[in-house]
Amino acid sequence: MIYLAVLAFGVTLGLPIAVIFASRAQGSATSTALEGIARQPESAAKIQTAMIIGLALIESLVIYSLLMFFILVGKLPGVDVKENTITVKDAIEAASQAPTNHGASVEIEGQADENQ
């Protein structure tokens, strides 16, 4: 059971965390590269090449985490929806039978039922 909880936690938070940190790293790398180009415009080609290689490696880590996300989603157990849910009709009937306060109304099939 703990295995499934950790798996679900990793699946739901792993990819967003990877994307957040990768986007910050890409922004930082681009900012630093542009500052370097502004200081030494003659070395712009070398800086740009190194920046593009670095951005490609950062993006490959995000793609790898996306791949891991899809692999781990397949390992999560399925949920039988029919046993764990109620129908809309049952929910409306339960709501109409529940006591209400302060003159609230419940509308069933176009008719309003006012409680005094």
N, C-alpha and C. Protein backbone atom coordinates (compact mmCIF):
# COMPACT_ATOMS: atom_id res chain seq x y z
N MET A 1 0.82 -1.19 0.00
CA MET A 1 0.00 0.00 0.00
C MET A 1 0.86 1.25 0.00
N ILE A 2 1.94 1.24 0.79
CA ILE A 2 2.83 2.39 0.81
C ILE A 2 3.50 2.55 -0.54
N TYR A 3 3.81 1.42 -1.19
CA TYR A 3 4.41 1.46 -2.52
C TYR A 3 3.51 2.23 -3.48
N LEU A 4 2.21 1.95 -3.45
CA LEU A 4 1.29 2.63 -4.35
C LEU A 4 1.15 4.11 -4.02
N ALA A 5 1.20 4.44 -2.74
CA ALA A 5 1.13 5.85 -2.35
C ALA A 5 2.35 6.62 -2.84
N VAL A 6 3.52 6.03 -2.67
CA VAL A 6 4.75 6.68 -3.14
C VAL A 6 4.75 6.76 -4.66
N LEU A 7 4.26 5.73 -5.32
CA LEU A 7 4.18 5.73 -6.78
C LEU A 7 3.24 6.83 -7.27
N ALA A 8 2.08 6.95 -6.64
CA ALA A 8 1.13 7.99 -7.02
C ALA A 8 1.71 9.38 -6.76
N PHE A 9 2.40 9.52 -5.64
CA PHE A 9 3.04 10.80 -5.31
C PHE A 9 4.10 11.15 -6.35
N GLY A 10 4.91 10.18 -6.74
CA GLY A 10 5.94 10.41 -7.74
C GLY A 10 5.37 10.73 -9.10
N VAL A 11 4.29 10.07 -9.46
CA VAL A 11 3.67 10.31 -10.76
C VAL A 11 3.06 11.71 -10.81
N THR A 12 2.38 12.10 -9.76
CA THR A 12 1.68 13.38 -9.79
C THR A 12 2.60 14.58 -9.60
N LEU A 13 3.68 14.42 -8.88
CA LEU A 13 4.56 15.57 -8.63
C LEU A 13 5.89 15.51 -9.36
N GLY A 14 6.27 14.37 -9.88
CA GLY A 14 7.58 14.23 -10.51
C GLY A 14 7.74 15.10 -11.75
N LEU A 15 6.80 15.03 -12.66
CA LEU A 15 6.89 15.79 -13.89
C LEU A 15 6.77 17.30 -13.65
N PRO A 16 5.81 17.78 -12.87
CA PRO A 16 5.77 19.23 -12.64
C PRO A 16 7.03 19.78 -11.98
N ILE A 17 7.59 19.04 -11.04
CA ILE A 17 8.83 19.51 -10.40
C ILE A 17 9.96 19.56 -11.41
N ALA A 18 10.06 18.54 -12.27
CA ALA A 18 11.10 18.53 -13.29
C ALA A 18 10.93 19.70 -14.26
N VAL A 19 9.70 19.99 -14.63
CA VAL A 19 9.44 21.09 -15.56
C VAL A 19 9.77 22.43 -14.93
N ILE A 20 9.40 22.60 -13.66
CA ILE A 20 9.68 23.87 -12.98
C ILE A 20 11.18 24.11 -12.89
N PHE A 21 11.93 23.13 -12.44
CA PHE A 21 13.37 23.32 -12.31
C PHE A 21 14.05 23.44 -13.67
N ALA A 22 13.58 22.71 -14.66
CA ALA A 22 14.18 22.81 -15.99
C ALA A 22 13.92 24.19 -16.60
N SER A 23 12.73 24.72 -16.41
CA SER A 23 12.44 26.04 -16.97
C SER A 23 13.27 27.11 -16.28
N ARG A 24 13.46 26.98 -14.97
CA ARG A 24 14.34 27.93 -14.27
C ARG A 24 15.78 27.80 -14.76
N ALA A 25 16.24 26.58 -14.98
CA ALA A 25 17.61 26.37 -15.45
C ALA A 25 17.78 26.91 -16.87
N GLN A 26 16.78 26.72 -17.72
CA GLN A 26 16.87 27.23 -19.09
C GLN A 26 16.87 28.76 -19.09
N GLY A 27 16.04 29.35 -18.25
CA GLY A 27 16.03 30.81 -18.14
C GLY A 27 17.35 31.36 -17.64
N SER A 28 17.91 30.70 -16.66
CA SER A 28 19.20 31.12 -16.12
C SER A 28 20.31 30.96 -17.15
N ALA A 29 20.32 29.85 -17.87
CA ALA A 29 21.35 29.62 -18.89
C ALA A 29 21.25 30.65 -20.01
N THR A 30 20.04 30.93 -20.44
CA THR A 30 19.84 31.92 -21.51
C THR A 30 20.25 33.31 -21.04
N SER A 31 19.86 33.66 -19.83
CA SER A 31 20.21 34.97 -19.28
C SER A 31 21.72 35.14 -19.17
N THR A 32 22.38 34.13 -18.66
CA THR A 32 23.84 34.19 -18.51
C THR A 32 24.52 34.25 -19.87
N ALA A 33 24.02 33.50 -20.84
CA ALA A 33 24.61 33.53 -22.18
C ALA A 33 24.43 34.91 -22.82
N LEU A 34 23.26 35.51 -22.65
CA LEU A 34 23.04 36.83 -23.22
C LEU A 34 23.91 37.89 -22.54
N GLU A 35 24.13 37.75 -21.23
CA GLU A 35 25.04 38.67 -20.55
C GLU A 35 26.46 38.53 -21.08
N GLY A 36 26.88 37.29 -21.33
CA GLY A 36 28.22 37.05 -21.89
C GLY A 36 28.35 37.62 -23.29
N ILE A 37 27.30 37.46 -24.09
CA ILE A 37 27.34 38.02 -25.44
C ILE A 37 27.36 39.53 -25.39
N ALA A 38 26.64 40.13 -24.44
CA ALA A 38 26.64 41.58 -24.31
C ALA A 38 28.01 42.10 -23.90
N ARG A 39 28.74 41.35 -23.09
CA ARG A 39 30.07 41.78 -22.66
C ARG A 39 31.11 41.60 -23.78
N GLN A 40 31.00 40.48 -24.49
CA GLN A 40 31.98 40.20 -25.55
C GLN A 40 31.24 39.77 -26.82
N PRO A 41 30.81 40.73 -27.62
CA PRO A 41 30.05 40.40 -28.83
C PRO A 41 30.84 39.57 -29.84
N GLU A 42 32.15 39.65 -29.82
CA GLU A 42 32.95 38.89 -30.79
C GLU A 42 32.93 37.39 -30.51
N SER A 43 32.61 36.98 -29.29
CA SER A 43 32.53 35.54 -28.96
C SER A 43 31.09 35.03 -28.93
N ALA A 44 30.19 35.72 -29.62
CA ALA A 44 28.77 35.36 -29.60
C ALA A 44 28.52 33.98 -30.18
N ALA A 45 29.23 33.61 -31.22
CA ALA A 45 29.00 32.30 -31.85
C ALA A 45 29.36 31.15 -30.92
N LYS A 46 30.48 31.29 -30.21
CA LYS A 46 30.89 30.23 -29.29
C LYS A 46 29.93 30.14 -28.10
N ILE A 47 29.53 31.28 -27.58
CA ILE A 47 28.60 31.29 -26.44
C ILE A 47 27.26 30.72 -26.85
N GLN A 48 26.79 31.11 -28.03
CA GLN A 48 25.49 30.63 -28.50
C GLN A 48 25.51 29.12 -28.71
N THR A 49 26.59 28.59 -29.25
CA THR A 49 26.69 27.15 -29.46
C THR A 49 26.67 26.40 -28.13
N ALA A 50 27.45 26.90 -27.17
CA ALA A 50 27.46 26.26 -25.85
C ALA A 50 26.09 26.36 -25.17
N MET A 51 25.41 27.50 -25.36
CA MET A 51 24.08 27.67 -24.77
C MET A 51 23.08 26.69 -25.37
N ILE A 52 23.11 26.53 -26.69
CA ILE A 52 22.15 25.63 -27.34
C ILE A 52 22.39 24.18 -26.91
N ILE A 53 23.65 23.78 -26.78
CA ILE A 53 23.95 22.42 -26.31
C ILE A 53 23.46 22.24 -24.88
N GLY A 54 23.69 23.22 -24.04
CA GLY A 54 23.22 23.15 -22.65
C GLY A 54 21.70 23.09 -22.56
N LEU A 55 21.01 23.91 -23.38
CA LEU A 55 19.54 23.89 -23.37
C LEU A 55 19.01 22.56 -23.88
N ALA A 56 19.69 21.97 -24.85
CA ALA A 56 19.26 20.66 -25.36
C ALA A 56 19.40 19.59 -24.28
N LEU A 57 20.48 19.64 -23.51
CA LEU A 57 20.65 18.66 -22.43
C LEU A 57 19.61 18.85 -21.33
N ILE A 58 19.32 20.10 -21.00
CA ILE A 58 18.28 20.36 -19.98
C ILE A 58 16.93 19.84 -20.48
N GLU A 59 16.62 20.11 -21.74
CA GLU A 59 15.34 19.67 -22.29
C GLU A 59 15.27 18.15 -22.38
N SER A 60 16.40 17.50 -22.61
CA SER A 60 16.39 16.04 -22.66
C SER A 60 16.04 15.44 -21.30
N LEU A 61 16.42 16.12 -20.23
CA LEU A 61 16.03 15.64 -18.89
C LEU A 61 14.53 15.76 -18.69
N VAL A 62 13.91 16.81 -19.21
CA VAL A 62 12.46 16.95 -19.10
C VAL A 62 11.76 15.87 -19.93
N ILE A 63 12.28 15.58 -21.11
CA ILE A 63 11.69 14.53 -21.93
C ILE A 63 11.84 13.17 -21.24
N TYR A 64 12.98 12.96 -20.59
CA TYR A 64 13.18 11.72 -19.84
C TYR A 64 12.17 11.61 -18.69
N SER A 65 11.93 12.73 -17.99
CA SER A 65 10.95 12.68 -16.89
C SER A 65 9.54 12.46 -17.44
N LEU A 66 9.24 12.97 -18.64
CA LEU A 66 7.94 12.71 -19.25
C LEU A 66 7.80 11.23 -19.59
N LEU A 67 8.87 10.63 -20.09
CA LEU A 67 8.87 9.19 -20.37
C LEU A 67 8.64 8.39 -19.09
N MET A 68 9.32 8.77 -18.01
CA MET A 68 9.14 8.08 -16.73
C MET A 68 7.71 8.26 -16.22
N PHE A 69 7.13 9.44 -16.45
CA PHE A 69 5.75 9.70 -16.06
C PHE A 69 4.81 8.70 -16.74
N PHE A 70 4.95 8.53 -18.04
CA PHE A 70 4.08 7.60 -18.76
C PHE A 70 4.30 6.16 -18.33
N ILE A 71 5.53 5.80 -18.04
CA ILE A 71 5.81 4.44 -17.57
C ILE A 71 5.17 4.20 -16.21
N LEU A 72 5.30 5.17 -15.30
CA LEU A 72 4.75 5.00 -13.95
C LEU A 72 3.23 5.07 -13.92
N VAL A 73 2.62 5.85 -14.81
CA VAL A 73 1.16 5.89 -14.86
C VAL A 73 0.61 4.51 -15.21
N GLY A 74 1.32 3.79 -16.05
CA GLY A 74 0.88 2.44 -16.41
C GLY A 74 0.98 1.46 -15.25
N LYS A 75 1.79 1.76 -14.25
CA LYS A 75 1.94 0.87 -13.10
C LYS A 75 0.92 1.14 -12.00
N LEU A 76 0.22 2.27 -12.06
CA LEU A 76 -0.81 2.56 -11.05
C LEU A 76 -2.00 1.63 -11.25
N PRO A 77 -2.61 1.18 -10.16
CA PRO A 77 -3.77 0.30 -10.31
C PRO A 77 -4.98 1.08 -10.80
N GLY A 78 -5.84 0.40 -11.51
CA GLY A 78 -7.06 1.02 -12.01
C GLY A 78 -8.10 1.12 -10.90
N VAL A 79 -9.06 1.98 -11.11
CA VAL A 79 -10.15 2.18 -10.15
C VAL A 79 -11.44 1.77 -10.83
N ASP A 80 -12.23 0.93 -10.16
CA ASP A 80 -13.51 0.52 -10.70
C ASP A 80 -14.52 1.62 -10.40
N VAL A 81 -14.89 2.36 -11.40
CA VAL A 81 -15.74 3.53 -11.23
C VAL A 81 -17.16 3.14 -10.83
N LYS A 82 -17.65 2.01 -11.29
CA LYS A 82 -19.03 1.63 -11.03
C LYS A 82 -19.29 1.38 -9.55
N GLU A 83 -18.32 0.86 -8.82
CA GLU A 83 -18.54 0.56 -7.41
C GLU A 83 -18.34 1.77 -6.51
N ASN A 84 -17.53 2.73 -6.93
CA ASN A 84 -17.16 3.84 -6.05
C ASN A 84 -17.94 5.12 -6.30
N THR A 85 -18.91 5.11 -7.20
CA THR A 85 -19.65 6.33 -7.51
C THR A 85 -21.14 6.10 -7.34
N ILE A 86 -21.87 7.19 -7.23
CA ILE A 86 -23.32 7.12 -7.20
C ILE A 86 -23.84 7.82 -8.45
N THR A 87 -25.06 7.51 -8.82
CA THR A 87 -25.63 8.12 -10.02
C THR A 87 -26.16 9.51 -9.67
N VAL A 88 -26.39 10.29 -10.69
CA VAL A 88 -26.92 11.63 -10.50
C VAL A 88 -28.32 11.56 -9.90
N LYS A 89 -29.10 10.59 -10.32
CA LYS A 89 -30.47 10.43 -9.80
C LYS A 89 -30.43 10.15 -8.30
N ASP A 90 -29.52 9.28 -7.85
CA ASP A 90 -29.40 8.99 -6.41
C ASP A 90 -28.96 10.23 -5.64
N ALA A 91 -28.08 11.02 -6.21
CA ALA A 91 -27.61 12.23 -5.54
C ALA A 91 -28.74 13.25 -5.40
N ILE A 92 -29.56 13.38 -6.43
CA ILE A 92 -30.69 14.32 -6.37
C ILE A 92 -31.70 13.85 -5.34
N GLU A 93 -31.99 12.55 -5.30
CA GLU A 93 -32.92 12.03 -4.30
C GLU A 93 -32.40 12.23 -2.89
N ALA A 94 -31.11 12.00 -2.68
CA ALA A 94 -30.53 12.20 -1.35
C ALA A 94 -30.57 13.67 -0.95
N ALA A 95 -30.34 14.55 -1.91
CA ALA A 95 -30.38 15.98 -1.61
C ALA A 95 -31.79 16.45 -1.31
N SER A 96 -32.79 15.88 -1.98
CA SER A 96 -34.16 16.31 -1.73
C SER A 96 -34.69 15.78 -0.40
N GLN A 97 -34.13 14.67 0.10
CA GLN A 97 -34.57 14.11 1.37
C GLN A 97 -33.81 14.68 2.56
N ALA A 98 -32.69 15.34 2.32
CA ALA A 98 -31.89 15.89 3.41
C ALA A 98 -32.57 17.14 3.94
N PRO A 99 -32.53 17.34 5.27
CA PRO A 99 -33.13 18.55 5.84
C PRO A 99 -32.30 19.77 5.45
N THR A 100 -33.00 20.84 5.13
CA THR A 100 -32.32 22.08 4.75
C THR A 100 -32.65 23.17 5.75
N ASN A 101 -31.82 24.18 5.79
CA ASN A 101 -32.01 25.30 6.72
C ASN A 101 -32.21 26.59 5.94
N HIS A 102 -32.82 27.56 6.59
CA HIS A 102 -32.94 28.93 6.08
C HIS A 102 -33.70 29.01 4.77
N GLY A 103 -34.72 28.22 4.59
CA GLY A 103 -35.57 28.33 3.41
C GLY A 103 -34.89 27.97 2.10
N ALA A 104 -33.90 27.11 2.13
CA ALA A 104 -33.22 26.70 0.90
C ALA A 104 -34.16 25.87 0.04
N SER A 105 -33.95 25.88 -1.24
CA SER A 105 -34.82 25.13 -2.13
C SER A 105 -34.01 24.12 -2.92
N VAL A 106 -34.68 23.03 -3.28
CA VAL A 106 -34.09 21.98 -4.11
C VAL A 106 -34.95 21.86 -5.35
N GLU A 107 -34.32 21.96 -6.51
CA GLU A 107 -35.07 21.89 -7.76
C GLU A 107 -34.90 20.50 -8.37
N ILE A 108 -36.04 19.81 -8.59
CA ILE A 108 -36.03 18.48 -9.18
C ILE A 108 -36.91 18.53 -10.42
N GLU A 109 -36.31 18.24 -11.56
CA GLU A 109 -37.01 18.18 -12.84
C GLU A 109 -37.83 19.42 -13.10
N GLY A 110 -37.23 20.59 -12.87
CA GLY A 110 -37.88 21.85 -13.20
C GLY A 110 -38.85 22.36 -12.15
N GLN A 111 -39.10 21.65 -11.06
CA GLN A 111 -40.02 22.10 -10.04
C GLN A 111 -39.23 22.46 -8.79
N ALA A 112 -39.51 23.63 -8.23
CA ALA A 112 -38.82 24.06 -7.02
C ALA A 112 -39.63 23.62 -5.80
N ASP A 113 -38.95 23.06 -4.80
CA ASP A 113 -39.58 22.63 -3.57
C ASP A 113 -39.10 23.57 -2.46
N GLU A 114 -39.94 24.48 -2.02
CA GLU A 114 -39.57 25.46 -0.99
C GLU A 114 -39.79 24.85 0.40
N ASN A 115 -38.78 24.91 1.24
CA ASN A 115 -38.89 24.46 2.63
C ASN A 115 -39.09 25.68 3.52
N GLN A 116 -40.07 25.63 4.41
CA GLN A 116 -40.35 26.77 5.29
C GLN A 116 -39.52 26.67 6.52
